[in-house]
Amino acid sequence: MNEEIQAQTVRLVRDGEQVGIVSINEAFDIADEANLDLVEIAPNADPPVVRVMDYGKFKYQQSKKEREARRGSKQVELREVRMRVKIGKHDRDFKVRTARKLLNDGNKVKVSVMFRAREITHPEVAKDLLDEFALELEDTAGIERNPALEGRFMSMTLDPSRKGQRSSIAKENTIEQTDNVVESVNVSESENEIA
């Protein structure tokens, strides 16, 4: 900006129109005459491109646009729903309703199963619990992070923006059902051949 510009010749832009290639002294004179700043906007060009503008006003307008953009956007929060391995059906249904409400508000939800004492020796129970939880909420959200063990917790993250995507659990169940159908067809065909 202004005296910090090192180039001897520059391509000058004024009022949105290109003036042309001029010496740096001539560009300073034009900027002083208009009572504005000379700002380098493309330093890597040959010759560098400079613009005559009110730099303070430009910075103010930029910060105003950024504030407007921040005001219009909603911050997505990560909320957590915790439960135990030995949770009852009614309590689990309540946790599902709570998670659904949080997801409908646009928040991501971290679902955690807490282990106590020797419960941690059976992580498959917690994985099944989280898989069922995700299946019940697949119309509202998709899995962002699959269930993983984190210390004394097994956690997964649900994201409301992924609700159109089928979860890996649903895909596995579909594949399993397809395999079962194919198996039963093969068994019935072999029975027909024997008879």
Protein backbone atom coordinates (compact mmCIF):
# COMPACT_ATOMS: atom_id res chain seq x y z
CA MET A 1 0.00 0.00 0.00
CA ASN A 2 1.26 3.50 -0.92
CA GLU A 3 5.04 3.86 -0.28
CA GLU A 4 5.42 0.13 0.50
CA ILE A 5 5.01 -0.71 -3.22
CA GLN A 6 8.48 -1.59 -4.59
CA ALA A 7 7.83 -1.89 -8.36
CA GLN A 8 8.99 0.93 -10.70
CA THR A 9 6.16 0.46 -13.23
CA VAL A 10 2.63 -0.66 -12.43
CA ARG A 11 -0.65 -1.39 -14.16
CA LEU A 12 -3.06 1.23 -12.75
CA VAL A 13 -6.80 0.70 -12.19
CA ARG A 14 -8.99 3.67 -11.23
CA ASP A 15 -12.77 3.68 -10.70
CA GLY A 16 -13.00 0.12 -12.06
CA GLU A 17 -11.34 1.13 -15.38
CA GLN A 18 -7.83 0.27 -16.44
CA VAL A 19 -5.67 3.38 -16.95
CA GLY A 20 -2.70 1.42 -18.28
CA ILE A 21 0.95 0.87 -17.44
CA VAL A 22 2.46 3.92 -15.70
CA SER A 23 5.47 4.69 -13.53
CA ILE A 24 5.03 4.38 -9.78
CA ASN A 25 5.56 8.14 -9.33
CA GLU A 26 2.77 8.93 -11.78
CA ALA A 27 0.49 6.46 -9.96
CA PHE A 28 1.29 8.19 -6.62
CA ASP A 29 0.46 11.57 -8.17
CA ILE A 30 -2.92 10.31 -9.42
CA ALA A 31 -3.74 8.82 -5.99
CA ASP A 32 -2.67 12.05 -4.18
CA GLU A 33 -4.72 14.15 -6.58
CA ALA A 34 -7.84 12.07 -5.78
CA ASN A 35 -6.97 12.08 -2.04
CA LEU A 36 -7.05 8.25 -2.02
CA ASP A 37 -4.65 5.36 -1.37
CA LEU A 38 -2.66 3.36 -3.89
CA VAL A 39 -3.16 -0.36 -3.12
CA GLU A 40 -1.32 -3.27 -4.74
CA ILE A 41 -3.96 -5.92 -5.61
CA ALA A 42 -1.95 -8.34 -7.77
CA PRO A 43 1.71 -8.28 -6.69
CA ASN A 44 2.70 -11.37 -8.74
CA ALA A 45 1.53 -9.94 -12.07
CA ASP A 46 4.06 -8.42 -14.48
CA PRO A 47 3.87 -5.45 -13.93
CA PRO A 48 2.04 -5.50 -10.56
CA VAL A 49 -1.56 -4.28 -10.59
CA VAL A 50 -2.42 -1.34 -8.31
CA ARG A 51 -5.76 0.32 -7.61
CA VAL A 52 -6.63 3.82 -6.50
CA MET A 53 -9.11 3.45 -3.61
CA ASP A 54 -10.04 4.55 -0.10
CA TYR A 55 -8.38 1.69 1.82
CA GLY A 56 -10.02 2.48 5.17
CA LYS A 57 -13.49 2.38 3.60
CA PHE A 58 -12.62 -0.86 1.79
CA LYS A 59 -11.51 -2.56 5.05
CA TYR A 60 -14.66 -1.36 6.83
CA GLN A 61 -16.91 -2.78 4.09
CA GLN A 62 -15.03 -6.10 4.18
CA SER A 63 -15.47 -6.45 7.95
CA LYS A 64 -19.15 -5.50 7.60
CA LYS A 65 -19.67 -8.26 5.00
CA GLU A 66 -17.93 -10.80 7.25
CA ARG A 67 -20.15 -9.84 10.20
CA GLU A 68 -23.27 -10.23 8.03
CA ALA A 69 -22.09 -13.65 6.84
CA ARG A 70 -21.44 -14.79 10.43
CA ARG A 71 -24.82 -13.50 11.57
CA GLY A 72 -26.64 -15.40 8.81
CA SER A 73 -24.91 -18.71 9.43
CA LYS A 74 -25.91 -21.01 12.28
CA GLN A 75 -23.16 -22.59 14.33
CA VAL A 76 -23.50 -26.38 14.43
CA GLU A 77 -22.95 -27.66 17.94
CA LEU A 78 -21.87 -31.12 19.01
CA ARG A 79 -24.27 -32.31 21.71
CA GLU A 80 -23.83 -35.56 23.64
CA VAL A 81 -26.27 -38.25 24.73
CA ARG A 82 -24.86 -40.70 27.27
CA MET A 83 -26.18 -44.06 28.39
CA ARG A 84 -25.03 -47.17 30.17
CA VAL A 85 -24.62 -50.68 28.78
CA LYS A 86 -27.50 -51.99 30.91
CA ILE A 87 -29.99 -49.27 29.93
CA GLY A 88 -33.69 -50.19 30.00
CA LYS A 89 -35.92 -50.04 26.91
CA HIS A 90 -37.95 -47.04 28.13
CA ASP A 91 -34.79 -45.10 29.03
CA ARG A 92 -33.22 -45.91 25.65
CA ASP A 93 -36.38 -44.73 23.86
CA PHE A 94 -36.21 -41.49 25.85
CA LYS A 95 -32.55 -41.02 24.78
CA VAL A 96 -33.55 -41.66 21.14
CA ARG A 97 -36.27 -38.96 21.38
CA THR A 98 -33.77 -36.54 22.92
CA ALA A 99 -31.23 -37.22 20.18
CA ARG A 100 -33.92 -36.83 17.49
CA LYS A 101 -34.88 -33.42 18.93
CA LEU A 102 -31.24 -32.28 18.95
CA LEU A 103 -30.70 -33.52 15.39
CA ASN A 104 -33.87 -31.75 14.18
CA ASP A 105 -32.47 -28.52 15.66
CA GLY A 106 -29.48 -28.96 13.32
CA ASN A 107 -26.93 -30.11 15.89
CA LYS A 108 -24.57 -33.06 15.57
CA VAL A 109 -25.04 -35.64 18.30
CA LYS A 110 -22.34 -37.74 19.94
CA VAL A 111 -23.90 -40.90 21.35
CA SER A 112 -21.78 -42.48 24.09
CA VAL A 113 -22.13 -45.72 26.00
CA MET A 114 -20.36 -45.67 29.35
CA PHE A 115 -18.70 -48.79 30.75
CA ARG A 116 -18.35 -49.46 34.46
CA ALA A 117 -16.13 -52.05 36.10
CA ARG A 118 -15.97 -55.26 34.03
CA GLU A 119 -18.58 -54.19 31.45
CA ILE A 120 -15.70 -53.05 29.23
CA THR A 121 -14.78 -56.69 28.61
CA HIS A 122 -17.88 -56.93 26.36
CA PRO A 123 -17.65 -53.99 23.92
CA GLU A 124 -19.84 -55.87 21.41
CA VAL A 125 -22.87 -55.18 23.65
CA ALA A 126 -22.24 -51.43 23.41
CA LYS A 127 -21.63 -51.68 19.64
CA ASP A 128 -24.99 -53.44 19.19
CA LEU A 129 -26.67 -50.78 21.32
CA LEU A 130 -25.16 -47.97 19.21
CA ASP A 131 -26.08 -49.76 15.97
CA GLU A 132 -29.71 -50.04 17.08
CA PHE A 133 -29.66 -46.38 18.11
CA ALA A 134 -28.38 -45.35 14.65
CA LEU A 135 -31.00 -47.52 12.90
CA GLU A 136 -33.81 -45.83 14.83
CA LEU A 137 -32.51 -42.40 13.80
CA GLU A 138 -31.52 -43.13 10.20
CA ASP A 139 -34.54 -41.14 8.92
CA THR A 140 -33.20 -38.08 10.81
CA ALA A 141 -29.41 -38.44 10.57
CA GLY A 142 -26.56 -40.48 9.20
CA ILE A 143 -23.43 -41.73 10.89
CA GLU A 144 -20.55 -39.29 10.63
CA ARG A 145 -18.17 -41.34 12.79
CA ASN A 146 -18.66 -45.06 13.35
CA PRO A 147 -18.68 -46.50 16.89
CA ALA A 148 -15.20 -46.52 18.42
CA LEU A 149 -13.80 -47.23 21.86
CA GLU A 150 -12.48 -44.13 23.67
CA GLY A 151 -11.24 -45.05 27.15
CA ARG A 152 -14.29 -46.13 29.21
CA PHE A 153 -16.72 -44.98 26.52
CA MET A 154 -17.78 -46.27 23.13
CA SER A 155 -18.97 -43.36 20.99
CA MET A 156 -20.32 -42.54 17.55
CA THR A 157 -21.31 -39.22 15.98
CA LEU A 158 -24.57 -38.61 14.10
CA ASP A 159 -24.88 -35.79 11.58
CA PRO A 160 -28.29 -34.41 10.47
CA SER A 161 -26.89 -33.33 7.08
CA ARG A 162 -26.23 -36.99 6.17
CA LYS A 163 -29.80 -38.20 6.59
CA GLY A 164 -30.19 -38.97 2.88
CA GLN A 165 -27.26 -41.37 3.00
CA ARG A 166 -27.85 -44.92 4.13
CA SER A 167 -25.82 -45.91 7.14
CA SER A 168 -23.26 -48.69 6.97
CA ILE A 169 -25.42 -50.64 9.45
CA ALA A 170 -28.42 -50.52 7.12
CA LYS A 171 -26.20 -51.59 4.22
CA GLU A 172 -24.85 -54.53 6.24
CA ASN A 173 -28.40 -55.59 7.18
CA THR A 174 -29.49 -55.39 3.52
CA ILE A 175 -26.48 -57.46 2.44
CA GLU A 176 -27.18 -59.97 5.23
CA GLN A 177 -30.85 -60.26 4.19
CA THR A 178 -29.84 -60.70 0.54
CA ASP A 179 -27.36 -63.43 1.54
CA ASN A 180 -30.08 -65.19 3.57
CA VAL A 181 -32.50 -65.07 0.61
CA VAL A 182 -29.83 -66.43 -1.76
CA GLU A 183 -29.02 -69.20 0.75
CA SER A 184 -32.68 -70.20 1.10
CA VAL A 185 -33.09 -70.23 -2.70
CA ASN A 186 -30.00 -72.45 -3.05
CA VAL A 187 -31.31 -74.82 -0.34
CA SER A 188 -34.74 -75.10 -1.98
CA GLU A 189 -33.16 -75.72 -5.40
CA SER A 190 -30.99 -78.50 -3.97
CA GLU A 191 -34.05 -80.04 -2.28
CA ASN A 192 -35.89 -80.01 -5.64
CA GLU A 193 -32.95 -81.77 -7.30
CA ILE A 194 -32.95 -84.47 -4.63
CA ALA A 195 -36.69 -85.06 -4.96
